[in-house]
Protein backbone atom coordinates (compact mmCIF):
# COMPACT_ATOMS: atom_id res chain seq x y z
CA MET A 1 -8.37 33.11 25.21
CA GLU A 2 -7.18 30.56 27.73
CA GLY A 3 -8.75 27.12 28.02
CA ALA A 4 -9.75 25.49 31.27
CA ARG A 5 -7.08 23.41 32.94
CA GLU A 6 -7.96 19.76 33.51
CA GLY A 7 -7.46 19.98 37.26
CA ASP A 8 -9.61 23.10 37.50
CA VAL A 9 -12.43 21.36 35.65
CA GLY A 10 -12.54 18.45 38.08
CA ILE A 11 -12.41 20.67 41.19
CA ALA A 12 -15.06 23.05 39.85
CA GLU A 13 -17.40 20.16 38.97
CA ALA A 14 -16.98 18.70 42.47
CA GLU A 15 -17.79 22.11 44.00
CA VAL A 16 -21.01 22.36 41.98
CA ARG A 17 -22.14 18.85 42.91
CA SER A 18 -21.51 19.30 46.63
CA HIS A 19 -22.62 22.89 47.20
CA ALA A 20 -25.69 23.37 49.40
CA HIS A 21 -27.00 26.28 47.31
CA ALA A 22 -25.90 24.98 43.91
CA SER A 23 -29.25 25.58 42.15
CA LYS A 24 -29.43 29.28 43.10
CA LEU A 25 -25.78 29.91 42.26
CA ALA A 26 -26.15 28.01 38.98
CA ALA A 27 -29.10 30.15 37.90
CA LEU A 28 -27.21 33.32 38.81
CA ALA A 29 -24.04 32.29 36.97
CA LEU A 30 -26.04 31.32 33.87
CA ASP A 31 -27.81 34.68 33.80
CA VAL A 32 -24.54 36.58 34.15
CA LEU A 33 -22.74 34.68 31.38
CA SER A 34 -25.83 34.82 29.15
CA ARG A 35 -25.86 38.62 29.49
CA GLN A 36 -22.20 38.78 28.59
CA ALA A 37 -22.71 36.55 25.55
CA GLU A 38 -25.79 38.38 24.30
CA GLY A 39 -24.15 41.78 24.68
CA ARG A 40 -20.68 40.59 23.60
CA LEU A 41 -19.35 41.90 26.92
CA LEU A 42 -16.26 40.87 28.85
CA PHE A 43 -17.85 41.93 32.15
CA ALA A 44 -21.55 41.92 33.11
CA GLY A 45 -21.32 44.72 35.71
CA ARG A 46 -21.75 44.78 39.47
CA ASP A 47 -25.24 46.32 39.37
CA PHE A 48 -26.56 43.59 37.08
CA VAL A 49 -25.02 40.85 39.25
CA ASP A 50 -26.46 42.29 42.49
CA ALA A 51 -29.91 42.67 40.91
CA ARG A 52 -29.92 39.07 39.69
CA ALA A 53 -28.64 37.83 43.03
CA GLY A 54 -31.57 39.54 44.72
CA GLU A 55 -34.02 37.92 42.31
CA TYR A 56 -32.65 34.46 43.01
CA GLY A 57 -32.35 35.04 46.76
CA VAL A 58 -28.59 34.58 46.80
CA GLU A 59 -27.06 35.91 50.03
CA ARG A 60 -23.35 36.56 50.21
CA ASP A 61 -22.85 33.75 52.72
CA ASP A 62 -24.69 31.37 50.37
CA ALA A 63 -22.07 31.98 47.65
CA ALA A 64 -19.04 30.83 49.64
CA THR A 65 -17.04 28.13 47.81
CA ALA A 66 -13.67 26.46 48.20
CA GLY A 67 -12.38 28.70 45.42
CA GLY A 68 -13.75 31.96 46.81
CA ASN A 69 -17.10 33.66 47.10
CA LEU A 70 -18.91 33.20 43.78
CA LEU A 71 -20.98 36.37 44.22
CA GLY A 72 -17.82 38.41 44.82
CA ILE A 73 -16.15 36.80 41.80
CA LEU A 74 -19.09 37.71 39.57
CA GLU A 75 -19.22 41.29 40.90
CA ARG A 76 -15.58 42.09 40.20
CA GLY A 77 -15.07 39.59 37.37
CA PRO A 78 -12.97 36.37 37.52
CA ALA A 79 -9.24 37.00 37.82
CA THR A 80 -7.71 33.50 37.66
CA PRO A 81 -8.23 30.42 35.45
CA PHE A 82 -9.88 28.58 38.34
CA GLU A 83 -12.33 31.43 38.97
CA HIS A 84 -13.31 31.36 35.31
CA ALA A 85 -13.73 27.58 35.54
CA LEU A 86 -15.86 27.90 38.69
CA VAL A 87 -18.23 30.41 37.11
CA ALA A 88 -18.48 28.35 33.90
CA ALA A 89 -19.23 25.17 35.86
CA PHE A 90 -22.10 26.78 37.77
CA ALA A 91 -23.44 28.32 34.55
CA VAL A 92 -23.49 24.94 32.76
CA ALA A 93 -25.28 23.43 35.76
CA GLY A 94 -27.80 26.28 35.51
CA PHE A 95 -28.35 25.47 31.84
CA GLY A 96 -29.00 21.84 32.81
CA ASP A 97 -31.59 22.93 35.41
CA ARG A 98 -33.30 25.15 32.85
CA MET A 99 -33.47 22.28 30.35
CA HIS A 100 -35.03 19.99 32.96
CA LEU A 101 -37.83 22.52 33.65
CA ALA A 102 -38.50 23.30 29.99
CA SER A 103 -41.16 21.67 27.86
CA PRO A 104 -40.10 19.36 25.01
CA GLU A 105 -40.95 22.12 22.53
CA GLU A 106 -38.69 24.62 24.29
CA ARG A 107 -35.64 22.43 24.80
CA ALA A 108 -34.24 22.64 21.26
CA GLY A 109 -34.36 26.44 21.35
CA ILE A 110 -32.69 26.59 24.77
CA ALA A 111 -29.93 24.23 23.60
CA ALA A 112 -29.37 26.31 20.44
CA ARG A 113 -29.10 29.49 22.55
CA PHE A 114 -26.64 27.78 24.88
CA VAL A 115 -24.43 26.86 21.91
CA ARG A 116 -24.61 30.41 20.57
CA HIS A 117 -23.58 31.87 23.93
CA ALA A 118 -20.83 29.29 24.39
CA ASP A 119 -19.42 30.21 20.96
CA PHE A 120 -18.71 33.75 22.14
CA LEU A 121 -17.44 32.75 25.57
CA GLU A 122 -15.12 30.08 24.16
CA THR A 123 -13.62 32.22 21.39
CA ALA A 124 -13.62 35.77 22.81
CA THR A 125 -13.23 35.40 26.60
CA PRO A 126 -11.17 33.30 29.03
CA TYR A 127 -14.23 31.17 29.81
CA ALA A 128 -14.24 27.52 28.72
CA VAL A 129 -17.82 26.27 28.86
CA TYR A 130 -17.89 23.05 26.84
CA PRO A 131 -15.51 21.03 29.09
CA PHE A 132 -18.28 20.89 31.73
CA VAL A 133 -21.04 19.58 29.46
CA VAL A 134 -20.43 15.87 29.93
CA GLY A 135 -19.57 16.04 33.63
CA LEU A 136 -22.50 18.20 34.80
CA LEU A 137 -25.39 17.48 32.44
CA ARG A 138 -27.70 14.50 32.13
CA SER A 139 -27.15 12.18 29.19
CA ASP A 140 -30.33 13.31 27.42
CA THR A 141 -29.29 16.95 27.73
CA VAL A 142 -25.81 16.12 26.42
CA ALA A 143 -27.46 14.48 23.40
CA GLU A 144 -29.51 17.62 22.75
CA VAL A 145 -26.38 19.75 22.97
CA ARG A 146 -24.75 17.47 20.37
CA VAL A 147 -27.74 17.95 18.06
CA ALA A 148 -27.58 21.73 18.52
CA LEU A 149 -23.84 21.76 17.83
CA GLU A 150 -24.21 19.68 14.66
CA GLU A 151 -27.04 21.86 13.37
CA ALA A 152 -25.10 25.04 14.14
CA LEU A 153 -22.02 23.72 12.33
CA LEU A 154 -23.91 22.66 9.19
CA THR A 155 -25.93 25.90 9.11
CA ALA A 156 -22.75 27.98 9.35
CA ASP A 157 -21.09 25.85 6.67
CA ARG A 158 -24.00 26.42 4.28
CA ALA A 159 -23.53 30.16 4.78
CA GLY A 160 -20.07 29.79 3.22
CA ASP A 161 -18.20 31.95 5.75
CA GLU A 162 -14.56 30.79 5.80
CA SER A 163 -13.17 33.73 7.78
CA PRO A 164 -10.73 33.13 10.67
CA ARG A 165 -13.48 34.04 13.15
CA ALA A 166 -15.93 31.53 11.64
CA ARG A 167 -13.33 28.79 11.57
CA SER A 168 -12.39 29.52 15.19
CA VAL A 169 -16.01 29.07 16.22
CA ALA A 170 -16.26 25.90 14.12
CA ALA A 171 -13.13 24.48 15.77
CA ALA A 172 -14.60 25.13 19.23
CA ARG A 173 -17.85 23.42 18.26
CA LEU A 174 -16.10 20.43 16.69
CA THR A 175 -13.87 20.00 19.74
CA ALA A 176 -16.94 20.16 21.97
CA LEU A 177 -18.67 17.51 19.85
CA GLY A 178 -15.68 15.23 20.13
CA ALA A 179 -15.50 15.68 23.92
CA ALA A 180 -19.27 15.01 24.20
CA GLY A 181 -19.08 11.69 22.38
CA GLY A 182 -20.43 13.03 19.10
CA GLY A 183 -18.44 10.72 16.84
CA GLU A 184 -21.33 10.02 14.46
CA SER A 185 -22.16 13.73 14.27
CA LEU A 186 -18.55 14.50 13.40
CA LEU A 187 -18.55 11.93 10.61
CA ARG A 188 -21.77 13.36 9.20
CA ILE A 189 -20.27 16.83 9.27
CA ALA A 190 -17.07 15.55 7.63
CA SER A 191 -19.11 14.07 4.78
CA ARG A 192 -21.42 17.06 4.27
CA ALA A 193 -19.37 20.16 5.03
CA THR A 194 -18.01 22.21 2.14
CA ASP A 195 -15.29 24.06 4.07
CA PRO A 196 -12.17 21.88 3.72
CA ALA A 197 -10.83 22.99 7.12
CA VAL A 198 -14.07 22.03 8.87
CA ARG A 199 -14.25 18.76 6.97
CA ALA A 200 -10.67 17.81 7.81
CA LEU A 201 -10.98 18.61 11.52
CA ALA A 202 -14.34 16.85 11.83
CA ASN A 203 -12.87 13.82 10.09
CA LEU A 204 -9.85 13.79 12.39
CA LEU A 205 -11.87 14.19 15.61
CA GLY A 206 -14.42 11.64 14.42
CA GLY A 207 -11.76 8.97 13.95
CA GLY A 208 -11.94 8.94 10.16
CA ALA A 209 -9.13 8.75 7.66
CA THR A 210 -6.48 11.45 7.51
CA GLY A 211 -4.32 13.01 4.85
CA HIS A 212 -4.62 11.56 1.37
CA GLU A 213 -6.88 8.77 2.56
CA ALA A 214 -9.49 11.31 3.71
CA GLU A 215 -9.81 12.56 0.13
CA ALA A 216 -9.81 9.10 -1.48
CA VAL A 217 -13.47 8.02 -1.77
CA ALA A 218 -14.64 4.63 -2.99
CA THR A 219 -17.97 5.05 -4.76
CA LEU A 220 -20.49 2.53 -6.02
CA ALA A 221 -23.64 3.43 -7.92
CA GLY A 222 -26.41 1.29 -9.32
CA ARG A 223 -30.11 0.75 -9.74
CA ALA A 224 -31.98 0.29 -6.46
CA GLY A 225 -33.12 -3.28 -5.99
CA ARG A 226 -35.20 -5.26 -3.54
CA ALA A 227 -33.15 -6.71 -0.70
CA PRO A 228 -32.96 -10.52 -0.91
CA ASN A 229 -35.60 -12.31 1.17
CA ASP A 230 -35.47 -15.67 2.83
CA SER A 231 -36.77 -18.67 0.87
CA LEU A 232 -40.08 -18.88 2.75
CA ARG A 233 -40.94 -15.24 2.15
CA THR A 234 -40.02 -15.57 -1.52
CA LEU A 235 -42.26 -18.65 -1.85
CA VAL A 236 -45.17 -16.79 -0.23
CA ARG A 237 -44.72 -13.87 -2.61
CA VAL A 238 -44.73 -16.20 -5.62
CA VAL A 239 -47.74 -18.25 -4.46
CA THR A 240 -49.86 -15.21 -3.55
CA GLY A 241 -49.04 -13.38 -6.76
CA LEU A 242 -47.34 -10.46 -5.00
CA ALA A 243 -44.13 -11.15 -6.89
CA LEU A 244 -45.97 -10.86 -10.22
CA LEU A 245 -47.70 -7.65 -9.15
CA GLY A 246 -44.37 -6.20 -8.06
CA TRP A 247 -42.82 -7.10 -11.39
CA VAL A 248 -45.71 -5.49 -13.28
CA ALA A 249 -45.47 -2.33 -11.17
CA ARG A 250 -41.72 -2.04 -11.75
CA THR A 251 -42.19 -2.60 -15.48
CA VAL A 252 -44.86 0.10 -15.71
CA GLY A 253 -42.69 2.48 -13.68
CA PHE A 254 -39.76 1.84 -15.99
CA LEU A 255 -41.90 2.48 -19.08
CA VAL A 256 -43.13 5.85 -17.75
CA GLY A 257 -39.59 6.96 -16.87
CA LEU A 258 -39.48 6.16 -13.14
CA ARG A 259 -35.94 5.44 -11.94
CA ARG A 260 -34.60 4.59 -8.48
CA VAL A 261 -30.83 4.80 -8.05
CA VAL A 262 -28.53 4.28 -5.08
CA GLU A 263 -25.02 5.60 -4.49
CA VAL A 264 -22.84 4.26 -1.67
CA ARG A 265 -19.61 6.07 -0.83
CA ILE A 266 -16.84 5.39 1.66
CA VAL A 267 -16.10 8.87 3.00
CA ALA A 268 -14.58 10.24 6.19
CA GLY A 269 -14.51 6.90 7.98
CA ALA A 270 -18.14 6.06 7.27
CA LEU A 271 -20.56 4.85 4.63
CA ARG A 272 -22.72 7.49 3.03
CA VAL A 273 -25.83 6.12 1.29
CA ARG A 274 -27.77 8.37 -1.03
CA ARG A 275 -31.06 7.21 -2.59
CA ARG A 276 -32.74 9.16 -5.36
CA THR A 277 -36.05 8.62 -7.15
CA THR A 278 -36.59 10.44 -10.44
CA LEU A 279 -39.38 10.66 -12.98
CA LEU A 280 -38.43 11.71 -16.50
CA GLY A 281 -35.19 13.12 -15.11
CA LYS A 282 -36.90 15.18 -12.37
CA THR A 283 -36.01 14.32 -8.77
CA LEU A 284 -39.06 13.23 -6.77
CA ARG A 285 -37.30 12.16 -3.59
CA GLU A 286 -33.77 12.09 -2.26
CA THR A 287 -32.51 10.69 1.04
CA ASP A 288 -29.04 10.76 2.54
CA GLU A 289 -27.81 8.51 5.34
CA THR A 290 -24.44 8.05 7.02
CA TRP A 291 -23.54 4.73 8.63
CA THR A 292 -20.52 4.13 10.82
CA PHE A 293 -18.44 1.06 10.01
CA ASN A 294 -19.36 -0.44 13.40
CA ALA A 295 -22.99 -0.60 12.22
CA VAL A 296 -22.17 -2.57 9.05
CA ALA A 297 -22.70 -6.33 9.28
CA GLY A 298 -21.17 -7.11 5.90
CA ALA A 299 -21.42 -6.79 2.13
CA ALA A 300 -21.41 -9.20 -0.80
CA ARG A 301 -21.93 -9.31 -4.53
CA SER A 302 -24.02 -11.81 -6.43
CA ARG A 303 -25.14 -12.50 -9.96
CA ARG A 304 -28.87 -12.70 -10.47
CA TRP A 305 -30.11 -16.06 -11.71
CA ALA A 306 -26.56 -17.41 -11.38
CA ALA A 307 -27.72 -21.00 -11.93
CA LEU A 308 -29.82 -20.18 -15.02
CA PRO A 309 -26.99 -20.58 -17.59
CA LEU A 310 -26.04 -23.91 -16.00
CA LEU A 311 -29.60 -25.24 -16.11
CA ALA A 312 -30.14 -23.97 -19.65
CA GLY A 313 -26.84 -25.53 -20.75
CA LEU A 314 -27.71 -28.87 -19.22
CA GLY A 315 -31.12 -28.76 -20.89
CA ALA A 316 -29.55 -27.94 -24.24
CA LEU A 317 -27.01 -30.74 -23.84
CA ALA A 318 -29.65 -33.28 -22.85
CA ALA A 319 -31.98 -32.26 -25.68
CA GLY A 320 -29.14 -32.30 -28.20
CA VAL A 321 -27.93 -35.73 -27.13
CA LEU A 322 -31.46 -37.20 -27.04
CA VAL A 323 -32.56 -35.84 -30.41
CA GLY A 324 -29.16 -36.49 -31.99
CA VAL A 325 -29.05 -40.09 -30.81
CA LEU A 326 -32.58 -40.72 -32.12
CA VAL A 327 -31.61 -39.27 -35.52
CA LEU A 328 -28.39 -41.32 -35.53
CA VAL A 329 -30.33 -44.50 -34.77
CA ASP A 330 -32.74 -43.76 -37.61
CA GLY A 331 -29.80 -43.07 -39.88
CA VAL A 332 -28.16 -46.38 -39.03
CA ARG A 333 -31.40 -48.30 -39.59
CA ALA A 334 -32.07 -46.58 -42.89
CA ALA A 335 -28.38 -46.62 -43.90
CA ASP A 336 -28.84 -42.92 -44.76
CA PRO A 337 -25.56 -40.92 -44.46
CA SER A 338 -27.47 -37.63 -44.42
CA LEU A 339 -29.39 -38.64 -41.28
CA LEU A 340 -26.11 -39.69 -39.65
CA LEU A 341 -24.68 -36.22 -40.38
CA VAL A 342 -27.81 -34.49 -39.06
CA GLY A 343 -27.71 -36.56 -35.86
CA ALA A 344 -24.04 -35.81 -35.28
CA ALA A 345 -24.71 -32.12 -35.92
CA VAL A 346 -27.55 -32.07 -33.40
CA VAL A 347 -25.40 -33.74 -30.72
CA LEU A 348 -22.54 -31.35 -31.44
CA SER A 349 -24.92 -28.35 -31.31
CA GLY A 350 -26.13 -29.42 -27.88
CA VAL A 351 -22.57 -29.74 -26.60
CA LEU A 352 -21.58 -26.35 -28.02
CA LEU A 353 -24.71 -24.63 -26.62
CA ASP A 354 -23.98 -26.13 -23.21
CA LEU A 355 -20.42 -24.78 -23.42
CA VAL A 356 -21.67 -21.29 -24.31
CA LEU A 357 -24.35 -21.11 -21.60
CA ASP A 358 -22.42 -22.82 -18.83
CA VAL A 359 -18.90 -21.46 -19.36
CA LEU A 360 -18.63 -18.59 -21.81
CA ALA A 361 -21.75 -16.62 -20.77
CA PRO A 362 -20.87 -16.50 -17.05
CA ALA A 363 -17.29 -15.63 -17.93
CA ARG A 364 -18.54 -12.62 -19.88
CA ALA A 365 -20.99 -11.48 -17.17
CA SER A 366 -19.93 -7.93 -16.40
CA ARG A 367 -22.67 -6.69 -14.06
CA VAL A 368 -23.64 -7.92 -10.62
CA ALA A 369 -25.78 -6.99 -7.63
CA VAL A 370 -24.16 -5.73 -4.40
CA ASP A 371 -25.83 -6.05 -0.98
CA VAL A 372 -24.68 -4.02 2.05
CA ARG A 373 -26.21 -5.19 5.35
CA LEU A 374 -26.47 -3.49 8.73
CA LEU A 375 -26.42 -5.15 12.13
CA SER A 376 -29.95 -3.80 12.67
CA GLY A 377 -31.21 -6.01 9.84
CA ARG A 378 -31.60 -3.26 7.26
CA SER A 379 -29.86 -3.54 3.93
CA VAL A 380 -29.40 -1.80 0.62
CA ARG A 381 -29.09 -3.48 -2.78
CA LEU A 382 -27.46 -2.01 -5.87
CA CYS A 383 -28.22 -3.75 -9.17
CA ALA A 384 -26.50 -3.63 -12.56
CA VAL A 385 -23.17 -2.71 -11.01
CA PRO A 386 -20.01 -3.24 -13.12
CA LEU A 387 -18.13 -6.23 -11.77
CA ALA A 388 -14.79 -4.40 -11.53
CA ASP A 389 -16.38 -1.53 -9.60
CA ALA A 390 -18.09 -3.93 -7.20
CA ASP A 391 -14.85 -5.79 -6.44
CA ARG A 392 -12.96 -2.52 -5.94
CA PHE A 393 -15.61 -1.17 -3.56
CA LEU A 394 -15.92 -4.40 -1.55
CA SER A 395 -12.16 -4.56 -1.14
CA ALA A 396 -12.04 -0.97 0.15
CA LEU A 397 -14.93 -1.67 2.53
CA ALA A 398 -13.33 -4.86 3.85
CA ASP A 399 -10.18 -2.93 4.74
CA ARG A 400 -12.21 -0.54 6.91
CA LEU A 401 -14.67 -2.83 8.70
CA PRO A 402 -13.79 -3.71 12.34
CA ARG A 403 -12.10 -7.08 12.61
């Protein structure tokens, strides 16, 4: 198999764009290559080519190009790299025309068939089809090709075929995805694929980490929480009673065994967010998302009711001082040593309680909430996360976010 040369690609694309009979030649070239791919043939045959040319109304003079007569090339079979590039370019243009005429329901199937045919042509013949996708197809068609490539890759990976042939096809698809601007698709494949070779190549082409770093995954797991709201929205929820209803609903759910957990992992140059809802240990719902680092606005950790120990400590100190001073005053007036001791003990208890609530309790706090925010405004909150794990994850994420 010989790939298309860069110069040949540009010249062939220019020939397709400028040719007066491009649509007829494109349909003919697509039919010929589709027959070869379906029949796993290296040559479609002169009779088939002439019959298809008659159907499309292609005269020999119509097929003249700067690189030779396309009809003659198809009849005898391409002999040079440029002739292969010329035929492939017209075939890709024919695929684009077919996609434009198809209904929305048909387009996914046509794109999947194009990928299947391109797999054979790319890996078993001298044709290189994918280099012409971006240059000759509309942006919406390119996007549909990316979707078809990603689906084909993940479907093949689930089949568990790790033979040299399967990996050759996977490499061609991954390379095509990279050339078609499928960076996010590549990162999703890198995070979901089970074949280590596919995962490594997808990670590399998608701009993720390489080598040891590709295997090192920072993971954070916790209970799913409600994303923090602005003060006005929180006030409205409290005043209307929605906050109380939400608390009651969560309490009832907890009592009947309903659990909602979130896991966020840094993998293959992206963030993978997995949400799972379970009831009595049985999974009710599971979602999996992959976010690129460019989509992440930031992340932070916080301690719920962080000011509560301070307020409680100040209240304890104030109450201890007030009550203790009153008892001390009574003790002085009554000249009762026992009252003096009780008053001093009350004041000291208030001071000690303030110390415990304001200093020692926060110092021993070992679980925090972590919020990860997207530029789109969405966010995910993980509650009851160990403090050390949160700091480790946030540090790893900070190292990977764009500056």
